[in-house]
Amino acid sequence: MAKNKQPQKYPSRIKYEQANPTISFRLPRETRNRLASQIQVLDWSPADWVKNHLDQDDRLANDRATSLSRQRDGLGRDIEAKLQELVRLQRLIKERNRELRTPVVERRAVMLREVEAERQRKLKALGIEFSRVAAEVEARKTEMLQINDTILSTQKELGLLDQALTNRQPLVEQMAERAIEIARSKGVPAVACQSCPGYLYARSMFNFIADMSTKMSSSKKPAVMHDSTTQTVPKQGDGNG
């Protein structure tokens, strides 16, 4: 039995088949019918239909890539512009902060200087007031010492005066007694003797001494002048001592 021999292909056929390989695949009936109808309407072969759609897809892909590239370039430019704007805003913010911070710092320094000056002024005023009060206290102390010295000297003088008055009291009593004796020797009544100038002077001196003694020494009882000649005698007439 003779073997089936494949027909020998020409080199050109082999080259054509290699350049244009065959594709075989299965499709659902509806999809195949749609494909057949489009091919019939367009008057294309299945290869033309596939090639056209592939070219169209390539064009769409290229257009999409170009659009994306343009968008990317635009976004890049926008991003670059935004970055430059951001840098400018940051520089402006720093300058503004310096402008705002400088018056605040200067004002703070001025306020600190004013507070320190006010504190120094108050301390100086307090020091002056303290010095004035201290000087016034010292003056008061000196005045009190002078007053104490004056009181002591006055008490000393009053003591000497009290002693002198005490020493003179018997002399005044003797003067009064002497005046009464002189009046009696001249025949003057006792009642009239009490109104004579000598007796009245002695009596007033005695009362003065008693008052001064009472004021200077409250512990001492005031002396009282006793008249042993005082008695009830009928008035006989007026007389002069």
Foldseek 3Di string as FASTA:
>chain_A
DDDDDDDDDDPVVVVVCVVPPDDDDDDPPVVVVVLVVVCVVVVHDPVVVVVVVVVVVVVVVVVVVVVVVVVVVVVVVVVVVVVVVVVVVVVVVVVVCCVVVVVVVVVVVVVVVVVVVVVVVVVVVVVVVVVVVVVVVVVVVVVVVVVVVVVVVVLVVLVVVLVVLVVCLVVLLVQLVVQQVVCVVVPHAPVQSCVEPSNVVSVVSLVVSQVSNCVSDVVDHRDDRDDPRDDDDDDDDHDYD
